[in-house]
């Protein structure tokens, strides 16, 4: 992965920065929808530390399937239509780096945490409350 060290999913914090390098397994994928001219679909992904909702755009919706291990370079973790999602964004990239053999956990889900601006630094966010320990969009796999 180019441009920096790997971030664990549990360490994601909402930001306008596009600098997240991480790796995760795709657990589940929703049906594609249209956002303007772009096809998008929401996925549930996880690593060994946490899970998160991942927004796939355009060709990415068809390129990845559950069980794929995906590397994300220069990603962004921010709000899209009131949903907190991890995504590649305009400057980032995603690629399949393997399949099936990756340890993961489904909780906590970083997209299910309410974040608020830090009282000491308005450019940073801090966790205020856990909305749900698991994804409310994708049912648990157990």
N, C-alpha and C. Protein backbone atom coordinates (compact mmCIF):
# COMPACT_ATOMS: atom_id res chain seq x y z
N UNK A 1 0.83 -1.18 0.00
CA UNK A 1 0.00 0.00 0.00
C UNK A 1 0.87 1.24 0.00
N UNK A 2 0.53 2.13 -0.88
CA UNK A 2 1.33 3.33 -1.01
C UNK A 2 0.95 4.38 0.03
N UNK A 3 1.88 5.26 0.32
CA UNK A 3 1.60 6.46 1.09
C UNK A 3 1.24 6.28 2.55
N UNK A 4 2.04 5.59 3.31
CA UNK A 4 1.83 5.57 4.75
C UNK A 4 1.55 4.20 5.31
N UNK A 5 1.45 4.17 6.63
CA UNK A 5 1.28 2.89 7.31
C UNK A 5 -0.18 2.46 7.33
N UNK A 6 -0.39 1.18 7.57
CA UNK A 6 -1.72 0.61 7.60
C UNK A 6 -2.47 1.03 8.86
N UNK A 7 -3.73 1.38 8.69
CA UNK A 7 -4.60 1.75 9.80
C UNK A 7 -5.55 0.58 10.06
N UNK A 8 -5.75 0.26 11.33
CA UNK A 8 -6.75 -0.75 11.68
C UNK A 8 -8.13 -0.10 11.66
N UNK A 9 -9.15 -0.87 11.32
CA UNK A 9 -10.50 -0.33 11.25
C UNK A 9 -10.93 0.31 12.57
N UNK A 10 -10.53 -0.28 13.71
CA UNK A 10 -10.92 0.27 15.01
C UNK A 10 -10.36 1.67 15.25
N UNK A 11 -9.34 2.06 14.49
CA UNK A 11 -8.70 3.36 14.68
C UNK A 11 -9.23 4.44 13.73
N UNK A 12 -10.24 4.12 12.93
CA UNK A 12 -10.81 5.11 12.02
C UNK A 12 -11.51 6.21 12.80
N UNK A 13 -11.31 7.44 12.34
CA UNK A 13 -11.97 8.61 12.90
C UNK A 13 -12.48 9.44 11.73
N UNK A 14 -13.73 9.95 11.78
CA UNK A 14 -14.23 10.75 10.66
C UNK A 14 -13.32 11.93 10.37
N UNK A 15 -13.09 12.17 9.09
CA UNK A 15 -12.17 13.23 8.69
C UNK A 15 -12.38 13.57 7.22
N UNK A 16 -12.05 14.78 6.84
CA UNK A 16 -12.10 15.17 5.43
C UNK A 16 -10.80 14.78 4.72
N UNK A 17 -9.85 14.25 5.48
CA UNK A 17 -8.57 13.85 4.91
C UNK A 17 -8.72 12.56 4.11
N UNK A 18 -7.98 12.44 3.03
CA UNK A 18 -8.00 11.21 2.23
C UNK A 18 -6.64 10.54 2.36
N UNK A 19 -6.44 9.86 3.48
CA UNK A 19 -5.12 9.26 3.71
C UNK A 19 -5.17 7.93 4.44
N UNK A 20 -6.30 7.23 4.35
CA UNK A 20 -6.43 5.98 5.08
C UNK A 20 -5.95 4.81 4.23
N UNK A 21 -4.95 4.11 4.72
CA UNK A 21 -4.47 2.89 4.08
C UNK A 21 -4.83 1.74 5.00
N UNK A 22 -5.60 0.79 4.50
CA UNK A 22 -6.03 -0.33 5.33
C UNK A 22 -6.33 -1.54 4.46
N UNK A 23 -6.62 -2.63 5.12
CA UNK A 23 -6.95 -3.87 4.42
C UNK A 23 -8.07 -4.54 5.20
N UNK A 24 -9.05 -5.11 4.49
CA UNK A 24 -10.20 -5.72 5.15
C UNK A 24 -10.81 -6.78 4.27
N UNK A 25 -11.72 -7.58 4.86
CA UNK A 25 -12.43 -8.60 4.11
C UNK A 25 -13.87 -8.12 3.91
N UNK A 26 -14.40 -8.34 2.72
CA UNK A 26 -15.77 -7.97 2.42
C UNK A 26 -16.69 -9.09 2.92
N UNK A 27 -17.58 -8.75 3.85
CA UNK A 27 -18.46 -9.74 4.46
C UNK A 27 -19.82 -9.83 3.77
N UNK A 28 -20.37 -8.69 3.39
CA UNK A 28 -21.69 -8.67 2.78
C UNK A 28 -21.80 -7.44 1.91
N UNK A 29 -22.66 -7.51 0.90
CA UNK A 29 -22.78 -6.41 -0.05
C UNK A 29 -24.25 -6.19 -0.36
N UNK A 30 -24.67 -4.92 -0.30
CA UNK A 30 -26.06 -4.58 -0.60
C UNK A 30 -26.28 -4.46 -2.11
N UNK A 31 -27.54 -4.32 -2.49
CA UNK A 31 -27.89 -4.15 -3.90
C UNK A 31 -27.44 -2.78 -4.38
N UNK A 32 -26.99 -2.68 -5.63
CA UNK A 32 -26.58 -1.38 -6.17
C UNK A 32 -27.76 -0.40 -6.24
N UNK A 33 -27.46 0.87 -6.02
CA UNK A 33 -28.43 1.95 -6.19
C UNK A 33 -27.78 3.02 -7.03
N UNK A 34 -28.57 3.96 -7.50
CA UNK A 34 -28.03 5.06 -8.29
C UNK A 34 -27.99 6.33 -7.45
N UNK A 35 -26.84 6.99 -7.46
CA UNK A 35 -26.68 8.31 -6.85
C UNK A 35 -26.34 9.25 -7.98
N UNK A 36 -27.34 9.94 -8.51
CA UNK A 36 -27.12 10.74 -9.71
C UNK A 36 -26.79 9.82 -10.87
N UNK A 37 -25.64 10.04 -11.49
CA UNK A 37 -25.18 9.21 -12.60
C UNK A 37 -24.34 8.02 -12.15
N UNK A 38 -24.07 7.95 -10.86
CA UNK A 38 -23.15 6.92 -10.36
C UNK A 38 -23.87 5.76 -9.70
N UNK A 39 -23.45 4.54 -10.04
CA UNK A 39 -23.94 3.35 -9.34
C UNK A 39 -23.13 3.22 -8.06
N UNK A 40 -23.81 2.97 -6.95
CA UNK A 40 -23.14 2.77 -5.67
C UNK A 40 -23.73 1.55 -4.99
N UNK A 41 -22.97 0.95 -4.10
CA UNK A 41 -23.53 -0.07 -3.22
C UNK A 41 -22.76 -0.06 -1.91
N UNK A 42 -23.48 -0.37 -0.87
CA UNK A 42 -22.90 -0.37 0.46
C UNK A 42 -22.46 -1.79 0.80
N UNK A 43 -21.33 -1.91 1.45
CA UNK A 43 -20.82 -3.22 1.84
C UNK A 43 -20.46 -3.19 3.33
N UNK A 44 -20.44 -4.36 3.93
CA UNK A 44 -19.96 -4.52 5.30
C UNK A 44 -18.58 -5.16 5.19
N UNK A 45 -17.58 -4.48 5.74
CA UNK A 45 -16.21 -4.99 5.71
C UNK A 45 -15.66 -5.01 7.12
N UNK A 46 -14.60 -5.80 7.33
CA UNK A 46 -14.02 -5.88 8.68
C UNK A 46 -12.57 -6.34 8.61
N UNK A 47 -11.84 -6.01 9.66
CA UNK A 47 -10.51 -6.60 9.86
C UNK A 47 -10.54 -7.26 11.24
N UNK A 48 -9.38 -7.55 11.78
CA UNK A 48 -9.34 -8.26 13.06
C UNK A 48 -9.69 -7.38 14.26
N UNK A 49 -9.94 -6.07 14.02
CA UNK A 49 -10.19 -5.15 15.13
C UNK A 49 -11.61 -4.59 15.17
N UNK A 50 -12.28 -4.48 14.01
CA UNK A 50 -13.61 -3.85 13.96
C UNK A 50 -14.21 -4.02 12.57
N UNK A 51 -15.47 -3.61 12.44
CA UNK A 51 -16.16 -3.62 11.15
C UNK A 51 -16.53 -2.18 10.78
N UNK A 52 -16.90 -1.97 9.51
CA UNK A 52 -17.31 -0.64 9.05
C UNK A 52 -18.10 -0.80 7.76
N UNK A 53 -18.95 0.18 7.47
CA UNK A 53 -19.66 0.19 6.20
C UNK A 53 -18.73 0.81 5.15
N UNK A 54 -18.64 0.16 4.01
CA UNK A 54 -17.75 0.60 2.93
C UNK A 54 -18.58 0.91 1.70
N UNK A 55 -18.41 2.10 1.14
CA UNK A 55 -19.16 2.53 -0.03
C UNK A 55 -18.40 2.17 -1.30
N UNK A 56 -19.01 1.34 -2.13
CA UNK A 56 -18.43 0.99 -3.43
C UNK A 56 -19.07 1.88 -4.49
N UNK A 57 -18.26 2.34 -5.46
CA UNK A 57 -18.74 3.24 -6.51
C UNK A 57 -18.52 2.61 -7.88
N UNK A 58 -19.48 2.82 -8.78
CA UNK A 58 -19.33 2.43 -10.18
C UNK A 58 -18.89 1.00 -10.37
N UNK A 59 -17.76 0.83 -11.05
CA UNK A 59 -17.22 -0.49 -11.37
C UNK A 59 -16.90 -1.31 -10.12
N UNK A 60 -16.60 -0.64 -9.02
CA UNK A 60 -16.26 -1.36 -7.78
C UNK A 60 -17.42 -2.25 -7.33
N UNK A 61 -18.67 -1.84 -7.62
CA UNK A 61 -19.85 -2.61 -7.19
C UNK A 61 -19.82 -4.03 -7.77
N UNK A 62 -19.33 -4.16 -9.00
CA UNK A 62 -19.28 -5.47 -9.65
C UNK A 62 -17.94 -6.18 -9.46
N UNK A 63 -16.92 -5.43 -9.09
CA UNK A 63 -15.56 -5.99 -9.03
C UNK A 63 -15.30 -6.83 -7.78
N UNK A 64 -16.07 -6.58 -6.71
CA UNK A 64 -15.79 -7.25 -5.44
C UNK A 64 -16.97 -8.07 -4.96
N UNK A 65 -16.66 -9.21 -4.36
CA UNK A 65 -17.68 -10.12 -3.83
C UNK A 65 -17.34 -10.49 -2.39
N UNK A 66 -18.35 -10.94 -1.60
CA UNK A 66 -18.07 -11.39 -0.25
C UNK A 66 -16.95 -12.45 -0.25
N UNK A 67 -16.04 -12.30 0.71
CA UNK A 67 -14.89 -13.19 0.80
C UNK A 67 -13.63 -12.57 0.23
N UNK A 68 -13.78 -11.51 -0.57
CA UNK A 68 -12.60 -10.84 -1.13
C UNK A 68 -11.88 -10.04 -0.05
N UNK A 69 -10.57 -10.11 -0.05
CA UNK A 69 -9.75 -9.27 0.82
C UNK A 69 -9.31 -8.08 -0.02
N UNK A 70 -9.59 -6.89 0.49
CA UNK A 70 -9.41 -5.67 -0.28
C UNK A 70 -8.40 -4.76 0.40
N UNK A 71 -7.51 -4.21 -0.40
CA UNK A 71 -6.57 -3.20 0.07
C UNK A 71 -7.08 -1.84 -0.34
N UNK A 72 -7.13 -0.90 0.59
CA UNK A 72 -7.57 0.47 0.32
C UNK A 72 -6.38 1.40 0.52
N UNK A 73 -6.12 2.23 -0.48
CA UNK A 73 -5.06 3.24 -0.38
C UNK A 73 -5.68 4.62 -0.48
N UNK A 74 -5.25 5.52 0.39
CA UNK A 74 -5.70 6.91 0.40
C UNK A 74 -7.22 7.03 0.48
N UNK A 75 -7.82 6.21 1.36
CA UNK A 75 -9.27 6.24 1.54
C UNK A 75 -9.71 7.37 2.45
N UNK A 76 -11.04 7.49 2.58
CA UNK A 76 -11.62 8.54 3.41
C UNK A 76 -12.74 7.93 4.25
N UNK A 77 -12.86 8.36 5.50
CA UNK A 77 -13.92 7.91 6.40
C UNK A 77 -14.73 9.15 6.75
N UNK A 78 -15.90 9.30 6.11
CA UNK A 78 -16.69 10.50 6.33
C UNK A 78 -18.16 10.22 6.05
N UNK A 79 -18.98 11.25 6.22
CA UNK A 79 -20.42 11.10 6.02
C UNK A 79 -20.79 11.23 4.55
N UNK A 80 -21.68 10.33 4.12
CA UNK A 80 -22.26 10.40 2.78
C UNK A 80 -23.76 10.17 2.96
N UNK A 81 -24.56 11.19 2.70
CA UNK A 81 -26.02 11.10 2.90
C UNK A 81 -26.37 10.63 4.31
N UNK A 82 -25.75 11.25 5.29
CA UNK A 82 -25.98 10.97 6.72
C UNK A 82 -25.52 9.59 7.18
N UNK A 83 -24.81 8.85 6.33
CA UNK A 83 -24.24 7.58 6.75
C UNK A 83 -22.73 7.72 6.82
N UNK A 84 -22.15 7.24 7.90
CA UNK A 84 -20.71 7.30 8.06
C UNK A 84 -20.11 6.08 7.36
N UNK A 85 -19.37 6.32 6.29
CA UNK A 85 -18.84 5.22 5.49
C UNK A 85 -17.36 5.44 5.18
N UNK A 86 -16.68 4.32 5.01
CA UNK A 86 -15.32 4.32 4.50
C UNK A 86 -15.43 4.19 2.99
N UNK A 87 -14.61 4.90 2.24
CA UNK A 87 -14.66 4.80 0.78
C UNK A 87 -13.33 5.26 0.19
N UNK A 88 -13.15 4.91 -1.08
CA UNK A 88 -11.91 5.30 -1.74
C UNK A 88 -11.90 6.79 -2.05
N UNK A 89 -13.04 7.36 -2.39
CA UNK A 89 -13.09 8.77 -2.76
C UNK A 89 -12.43 9.00 -4.11
N UNK A 90 -12.24 10.25 -4.46
CA UNK A 90 -11.67 10.59 -5.78
C UNK A 90 -10.18 10.28 -5.89
N UNK A 91 -9.46 10.39 -4.77
CA UNK A 91 -8.00 10.22 -4.82
C UNK A 91 -7.54 8.82 -4.39
N UNK A 92 -8.45 8.06 -3.82
CA UNK A 92 -8.08 6.75 -3.30
C UNK A 92 -8.23 5.64 -4.33
N UNK A 93 -7.80 4.45 -3.94
CA UNK A 93 -7.94 3.29 -4.81
C UNK A 93 -8.17 2.04 -3.98
N UNK A 94 -8.87 1.07 -4.60
CA UNK A 94 -9.12 -0.22 -3.95
C UNK A 94 -8.67 -1.31 -4.90
N UNK A 95 -8.17 -2.40 -4.32
CA UNK A 95 -7.78 -3.55 -5.15
C UNK A 95 -7.94 -4.82 -4.34
N UNK A 96 -8.29 -5.89 -5.04
CA UNK A 96 -8.40 -7.19 -4.41
C UNK A 96 -6.98 -7.71 -4.19
N UNK A 97 -6.70 -8.11 -2.93
CA UNK A 97 -5.36 -8.58 -2.60
C UNK A 97 -5.35 -10.03 -2.14
N UNK A 98 -6.54 -10.65 -2.07
CA UNK A 98 -6.63 -12.04 -1.65
C UNK A 98 -8.08 -12.43 -1.48
N UNK A 99 -8.30 -13.63 -0.92
CA UNK A 99 -9.67 -14.03 -0.62
C UNK A 99 -9.73 -15.05 0.50
N UNK A 100 -10.79 -14.93 1.27
CA UNK A 100 -11.23 -15.89 2.30
C UNK A 100 -10.37 -16.05 3.55
N UNK A 101 -9.07 -15.85 3.50
CA UNK A 101 -8.24 -16.18 4.65
C UNK A 101 -7.83 -14.93 5.41
N UNK A 102 -8.77 -14.43 6.23
CA UNK A 102 -8.46 -13.26 7.05
C UNK A 102 -9.32 -13.31 8.30
N UNK A 103 -8.69 -13.14 9.44
CA UNK A 103 -9.43 -13.07 10.70
C UNK A 103 -10.17 -11.74 10.76
N UNK A 104 -11.40 -11.76 11.31
CA UNK A 104 -12.15 -10.52 11.43
C UNK A 104 -13.12 -10.60 12.61
N UNK A 105 -13.60 -9.44 13.00
CA UNK A 105 -14.65 -9.33 14.02
C UNK A 105 -15.74 -8.41 13.45
N UNK A 106 -16.99 -8.61 13.92
CA UNK A 106 -18.10 -7.78 13.44
C UNK A 106 -18.45 -6.64 14.39
N UNK A 107 -17.81 -6.62 15.54
CA UNK A 107 -18.08 -5.56 16.50
C UNK A 107 -16.76 -5.07 17.10
N UNK A 108 -16.58 -3.79 17.33
CA UNK A 108 -17.56 -2.74 17.07
C UNK A 108 -17.66 -2.41 15.59
N UNK A 109 -18.80 -1.81 15.20
CA UNK A 109 -18.96 -1.32 13.84
C UNK A 109 -18.73 0.19 13.90
N UNK A 110 -17.67 0.65 13.27
CA UNK A 110 -17.28 2.06 13.36
C UNK A 110 -18.28 3.00 12.72
N UNK A 111 -19.13 2.48 11.82
CA UNK A 111 -20.18 3.30 11.21
C UNK A 111 -21.38 3.46 12.13
N UNK A 112 -21.42 2.70 13.22
CA UNK A 112 -22.54 2.73 14.16
C UNK A 112 -22.19 3.48 15.45
N UNK A 113 -21.24 4.38 15.35
CA UNK A 113 -20.83 5.20 16.50
C UNK A 113 -21.21 6.64 16.21
N UNK A 114 -21.77 7.33 17.20
CA UNK A 114 -22.07 8.75 17.03
C UNK A 114 -20.81 9.55 17.38
N UNK A 115 -20.37 10.34 16.42
CA UNK A 115 -19.16 11.15 16.59
C UNK A 115 -19.57 12.60 16.73
N UNK A 116 -18.85 13.35 17.56
CA UNK A 116 -19.10 14.78 17.74
C UNK A 116 -17.77 15.53 17.66
N UNK A 117 -17.83 16.81 17.29
CA UNK A 117 -16.58 17.58 17.25
C UNK A 117 -15.92 17.63 18.62
N UNK A 118 -14.61 17.52 18.62
CA UNK A 118 -13.82 17.59 19.84
C UNK A 118 -13.91 19.01 20.42
N UNK A 119 -14.20 19.12 21.70
CA UNK A 119 -14.32 20.43 22.35
C UNK A 119 -13.00 21.21 22.30
N UNK A 120 -11.87 20.50 22.22
CA UNK A 120 -10.56 21.15 22.21
C UNK A 120 -10.03 21.41 20.81
N UNK A 121 -10.63 20.77 19.80
CA UNK A 121 -10.14 20.93 18.44
C UNK A 121 -11.29 20.65 17.47
N UNK A 122 -11.89 21.70 16.92
CA UNK A 122 -13.09 21.55 16.09
C UNK A 122 -12.83 20.78 14.79
N UNK A 123 -11.55 20.57 14.44
CA UNK A 123 -11.23 19.82 13.22
C UNK A 123 -11.19 18.32 13.48
N UNK A 124 -11.28 17.90 14.73
CA UNK A 124 -11.24 16.48 15.08
C UNK A 124 -12.58 16.04 15.64
N UNK A 125 -12.84 14.74 15.51
CA UNK A 125 -14.06 14.17 16.07
C UNK A 125 -13.70 13.16 17.16
N UNK A 126 -14.60 13.04 18.13
CA UNK A 126 -14.43 12.06 19.20
C UNK A 126 -15.72 11.25 19.30
N UNK A 127 -15.60 10.04 19.82
CA UNK A 127 -16.76 9.17 19.99
C UNK A 127 -17.63 9.68 21.12
N UNK A 128 -18.93 9.85 20.83
CA UNK A 128 -19.86 10.28 21.86
C UNK A 128 -20.65 9.09 22.40
N UNK A 129 -21.13 8.25 21.51
CA UNK A 129 -21.96 7.12 21.94
C UNK A 129 -21.95 6.03 20.88
N UNK A 130 -22.20 4.82 21.32
CA UNK A 130 -22.35 3.70 20.40
C UNK A 130 -23.83 3.60 20.05
N UNK A 131 -24.16 3.75 18.78
CA UNK A 131 -25.55 3.64 18.34
C UNK A 131 -25.95 2.17 18.37
N UNK A 132 -25.11 1.33 17.78
CA UNK A 132 -25.34 -0.11 17.78
C UNK A 132 -23.99 -0.81 17.70
N UNK A 133 -23.82 -1.89 18.45
CA UNK A 133 -22.55 -2.61 18.43
C UNK A 133 -22.33 -3.27 17.07
N UNK A 134 -23.42 -3.67 16.43
CA UNK A 134 -23.34 -4.35 15.13
C UNK A 134 -23.99 -3.49 14.06
N UNK A 135 -23.75 -3.82 12.82
CA UNK A 135 -24.38 -3.13 11.70
C UNK A 135 -25.89 -3.27 11.77
N UNK A 136 -26.60 -2.16 11.62
CA UNK A 136 -28.06 -2.21 11.56
C UNK A 136 -28.53 -2.43 10.12
N UNK A 137 -27.63 -2.34 9.17
CA UNK A 137 -27.98 -2.53 7.75
C UNK A 137 -27.80 -3.98 7.35
N UNK A 138 -26.73 -4.61 7.81
CA UNK A 138 -26.43 -6.00 7.48
C UNK A 138 -26.63 -6.87 8.71
N UNK A 139 -27.46 -7.91 8.61
CA UNK A 139 -27.67 -8.78 9.78
C UNK A 139 -26.39 -9.53 10.15
N UNK A 140 -26.29 -9.89 11.42
CA UNK A 140 -25.10 -10.63 11.88
C UNK A 140 -24.97 -11.95 11.17
N UNK A 141 -23.72 -12.39 10.99
CA UNK A 141 -23.44 -13.60 10.24
C UNK A 141 -23.53 -14.88 11.06
N UNK A 142 -23.61 -14.78 12.40
CA UNK A 142 -23.56 -16.00 13.21
C UNK A 142 -24.88 -16.74 13.30
